[in-house]
């Protein structure tokens, strides 16, 4: 019986959230408005950090385990994944280094981001419809949950909070409950409380209260 845990769903939903905001902010950013320029830069920094971490996690917890249990040739997927991630630093360089000097340059940046956005969504769709079902077929729920916990435990606190900032608001209550329940059982209570405070800032009040009640059983 296939596993029920979707190992790629959490990071992919978070990345879609962050990338969607990056595309949105690049479109409505006003070159003369320093606040909107800074908002775009902060989102670009967040997305860049998440992408670097995601590539490393997929290498270790998706690609490497699958090569041991599957005869599928994963090299084309692996190469495209690396190529996209390698192109990201150059793509975001004008935003991160504040080298954009005109509204026309900002608009070109928006168009370039749109191309990357489309390619990245297409790659994630392939992973979600081909790679994730293969993981569910070849690994048990216990193994996949072990991967999730291992990823969270090895991730720095700041980066983990960044992931939660984009993942939790983009997922269903039941999905968040599954991950956070497992995480709470694996870390000290004060560390879990820090994560919950970050999540509270990222979610609308009603959604956070529903999540908090589900976690506490109240």
Protein backbone atom coordinates (compact mmCIF):
# COMPACT_ATOMS: atom_id res chain seq x y z
CA UNK A 1 0.00 0.00 0.00
CA UNK A 2 1.48 3.38 -0.98
CA UNK A 3 2.46 5.82 1.74
CA UNK A 4 0.08 8.69 2.44
CA UNK A 5 2.65 11.36 3.34
CA UNK A 6 3.51 13.70 0.48
CA UNK A 7 7.21 14.52 0.97
CA UNK A 8 7.41 17.26 -1.67
CA UNK A 9 4.16 19.00 -0.84
CA UNK A 10 5.40 21.12 2.10
CA UNK A 11 8.46 22.69 0.46
CA UNK A 12 6.77 23.03 -2.93
CA UNK A 13 3.74 24.83 -1.53
CA UNK A 14 6.05 27.13 0.40
CA UNK A 15 8.17 27.82 -2.68
CA UNK A 16 5.08 28.54 -4.79
CA UNK A 17 3.97 31.00 -2.12
CA UNK A 18 7.35 32.75 -2.00
CA UNK A 19 7.81 32.76 -5.78
CA UNK A 20 4.29 34.06 -6.33
CA UNK A 21 4.97 36.94 -3.94
CA UNK A 22 8.31 37.62 -5.64
CA UNK A 23 6.61 37.84 -9.04
CA UNK A 24 3.85 40.01 -7.57
CA UNK A 25 6.24 42.41 -5.84
CA UNK A 26 8.42 42.71 -8.93
CA UNK A 27 5.33 43.71 -10.89
CA UNK A 28 4.00 46.38 -8.55
CA UNK A 29 7.35 47.65 -7.27
CA UNK A 30 7.82 51.40 -7.80
CA UNK A 31 11.45 52.28 -8.50
CA UNK A 32 10.94 55.62 -6.70
CA UNK A 33 9.34 54.02 -3.62
CA UNK A 34 12.11 52.80 -1.31
CA UNK A 35 9.67 50.79 0.82
CA UNK A 36 8.43 48.75 -2.14
CA UNK A 37 12.00 48.25 -3.39
CA UNK A 38 13.02 46.95 0.04
CA UNK A 39 10.01 44.64 0.18
CA UNK A 40 11.02 43.15 -3.18
CA UNK A 41 14.61 42.72 -1.99
CA UNK A 42 13.56 40.99 1.24
CA UNK A 43 11.32 38.59 -0.66
CA UNK A 44 14.14 37.85 -3.11
CA UNK A 45 16.50 37.12 -0.20
CA UNK A 46 13.92 34.77 1.32
CA UNK A 47 13.29 32.91 -1.92
CA UNK A 48 16.99 32.58 -2.67
CA UNK A 49 17.70 31.11 0.77
CA UNK A 50 14.80 28.66 0.49
CA UNK A 51 15.86 27.51 -2.98
CA UNK A 52 19.44 26.80 -1.90
CA UNK A 53 18.21 24.77 1.07
CA UNK A 54 15.60 22.97 -1.01
CA UNK A 55 18.12 21.82 -3.59
CA UNK A 56 20.32 20.37 -0.86
CA UNK A 57 17.36 18.64 0.80
CA UNK A 58 16.11 17.11 -2.44
CA UNK A 59 19.58 15.80 -3.22
CA UNK A 60 19.90 14.14 0.18
CA UNK A 61 16.35 13.01 0.93
CA UNK A 62 14.84 12.47 -2.53
CA UNK A 63 17.46 11.91 -5.20
CA UNK A 64 19.90 9.80 -3.19
CA UNK A 65 17.27 7.51 -1.59
CA UNK A 66 15.55 6.99 -4.95
CA UNK A 67 18.77 5.98 -6.69
CA UNK A 68 19.07 3.18 -4.13
CA UNK A 69 15.55 1.82 -4.63
CA UNK A 70 14.52 2.77 -8.16
CA UNK A 71 15.90 1.96 -11.60
CA UNK A 72 14.45 5.19 -13.05
CA UNK A 73 16.99 7.48 -14.68
CA UNK A 74 16.77 10.61 -12.54
CA UNK A 75 19.75 12.39 -14.06
CA UNK A 76 17.73 14.67 -16.42
CA UNK A 77 15.58 15.85 -13.50
CA UNK A 78 18.67 16.32 -11.31
CA UNK A 79 20.47 18.33 -14.00
CA UNK A 80 17.51 20.60 -14.74
CA UNK A 81 17.00 21.17 -11.02
CA UNK A 82 20.64 22.21 -10.60
CA UNK A 83 20.61 24.37 -13.74
CA UNK A 84 17.58 26.30 -12.55
CA UNK A 85 19.05 26.84 -9.11
CA UNK A 86 22.41 27.87 -10.55
CA UNK A 87 20.71 30.50 -12.72
CA UNK A 88 18.85 31.99 -9.78
CA UNK A 89 21.78 33.92 -8.30
CA UNK A 90 22.39 35.74 -11.59
CA UNK A 91 18.67 36.38 -12.01
CA UNK A 92 18.30 37.95 -8.56
CA UNK A 93 21.61 39.82 -8.61
CA UNK A 94 20.15 43.19 -9.72
CA UNK A 95 17.55 43.04 -6.92
CA UNK A 96 19.85 41.80 -4.17
CA UNK A 97 22.65 44.23 -5.03
CA UNK A 98 20.41 47.24 -5.75
CA UNK A 99 21.82 47.79 -9.23
CA UNK A 100 18.47 48.55 -10.92
CA UNK A 101 18.66 52.14 -12.12
CA UNK A 102 15.38 52.75 -13.91
CA UNK A 103 11.76 51.70 -14.22
CA UNK A 104 12.55 50.05 -17.55
CA UNK A 105 15.23 47.88 -15.91
CA UNK A 106 12.78 46.98 -13.15
CA UNK A 107 10.20 45.95 -15.75
CA UNK A 108 12.75 43.78 -17.54
CA UNK A 109 13.55 42.16 -14.19
CA UNK A 110 9.85 41.39 -13.78
CA UNK A 111 9.74 39.74 -17.22
CA UNK A 112 12.87 37.69 -16.48
CA UNK A 113 11.37 36.54 -13.20
CA UNK A 114 8.20 35.52 -15.04
CA UNK A 115 10.17 33.18 -17.30
CA UNK A 116 11.91 31.62 -14.29
CA UNK A 117 8.57 31.37 -12.50
CA UNK A 118 7.06 29.39 -15.37
CA UNK A 119 10.04 27.02 -15.63
CA UNK A 120 10.14 26.43 -11.89
CA UNK A 121 6.43 25.70 -11.66
CA UNK A 122 6.75 23.21 -14.54
CA UNK A 123 9.63 21.42 -12.83
CA UNK A 124 7.79 21.21 -9.51
CA UNK A 125 4.69 19.89 -11.28
CA UNK A 126 6.77 17.08 -12.80
CA UNK A 127 8.27 16.27 -9.42
CA UNK A 128 4.83 16.31 -7.78
CA UNK A 129 3.26 14.01 -10.37
CA UNK A 130 6.19 11.66 -11.06
CA UNK A 131 8.77 11.78 -8.27
CA UNK A 132 6.45 12.12 -5.28
CA UNK A 133 4.23 9.13 -6.22
CA UNK A 134 7.42 7.11 -6.72
CA UNK A 135 8.58 8.07 -3.24
CA UNK A 136 5.20 7.05 -1.82
CA UNK A 137 5.44 3.71 -3.60
CA UNK A 138 8.97 2.88 -2.46
CA UNK A 139 9.03 4.34 1.06
CA UNK A 140 6.77 3.88 4.07
CA UNK A 141 5.03 6.69 5.94
CA UNK A 142 7.43 6.12 8.84
CA UNK A 143 10.43 6.54 6.53
CA UNK A 144 9.02 9.66 4.88
CA UNK A 145 8.15 11.18 8.24
CA UNK A 146 11.69 10.36 9.35
CA UNK A 147 12.98 12.35 6.38
CA UNK A 148 10.80 15.32 7.37
CA UNK A 149 12.00 15.27 10.97
CA UNK A 150 15.65 14.86 9.90
CA UNK A 151 15.35 17.88 7.60
CA UNK A 152 13.83 20.04 10.35
CA UNK A 153 16.39 18.92 12.93
CA UNK A 154 19.41 19.71 10.73
CA UNK A 155 18.03 23.05 9.53
CA UNK A 156 19.18 26.17 11.38
CA UNK A 157 16.55 27.86 13.50
CA UNK A 158 16.46 31.00 11.34
CA UNK A 159 16.06 29.01 8.13
CA UNK A 160 13.45 26.75 9.67
CA UNK A 161 11.44 29.78 10.73
CA UNK A 162 11.72 31.11 7.19
CA UNK A 163 10.34 27.85 5.78
CA UNK A 164 7.43 27.92 8.21
CA UNK A 165 6.75 31.54 7.25
CA UNK A 166 5.94 30.49 3.68
CA UNK A 167 4.83 26.86 4.09
CA UNK A 168 2.24 27.05 6.86
CA UNK A 169 0.00 29.78 5.35
CA UNK A 170 -0.06 27.89 2.04
CA UNK A 171 -1.14 24.47 3.41
CA UNK A 172 -4.35 22.94 4.72
CA UNK A 173 -4.95 22.63 8.46
CA UNK A 174 -4.64 18.83 8.39
CA UNK A 175 -1.33 19.05 6.53
CA UNK A 176 0.12 21.57 8.98
CA UNK A 177 -1.12 19.52 11.92
CA UNK A 178 0.67 16.38 10.68
CA UNK A 179 4.06 18.11 10.30
CA UNK A 180 3.88 20.28 13.41
CA UNK A 181 2.74 17.41 15.64
CA UNK A 182 5.75 15.35 14.57
CA UNK A 183 8.05 18.33 14.97
CA UNK A 184 6.75 19.19 18.44
CA UNK A 185 7.52 15.64 19.58
CA UNK A 186 11.13 15.91 18.39
CA UNK A 187 12.28 19.30 19.80
CA UNK A 188 12.33 21.12 23.18
CA UNK A 189 9.14 22.98 24.01
CA UNK A 190 10.83 26.41 23.94
CA UNK A 191 12.05 25.79 20.38
CA UNK A 192 8.55 24.77 19.32
CA UNK A 193 7.11 27.91 20.95
CA UNK A 194 9.50 30.08 18.89
CA UNK A 195 8.28 28.39 15.70
CA UNK A 196 4.66 28.94 16.67
CA UNK A 197 5.26 32.66 17.27
CA UNK A 198 6.78 32.95 13.78
CA UNK A 199 3.84 31.07 12.30
CA UNK A 200 1.42 33.40 14.08
CA UNK A 201 3.02 36.39 12.35
CA UNK A 202 2.71 34.75 8.94
CA UNK A 203 -0.92 33.60 9.16
CA UNK A 204 -4.21 35.43 9.38
CA UNK A 205 -5.61 35.36 12.95
CA UNK A 206 -8.51 32.98 12.30
CA UNK A 207 -6.33 30.40 10.55
CA UNK A 208 -3.70 30.56 13.29
CA UNK A 209 -6.29 30.14 16.05
CA UNK A 210 -7.71 27.08 14.27
CA UNK A 211 -4.22 25.60 14.00
CA UNK A 212 -3.37 26.38 17.63
CA UNK A 213 -6.63 24.82 18.87
CA UNK A 214 -5.99 21.69 16.80
CA UNK A 215 -2.47 21.35 18.21
CA UNK A 216 -3.53 21.86 21.81
CA UNK A 217 -6.76 19.88 21.56
CA UNK A 218 -8.76 22.77 22.97
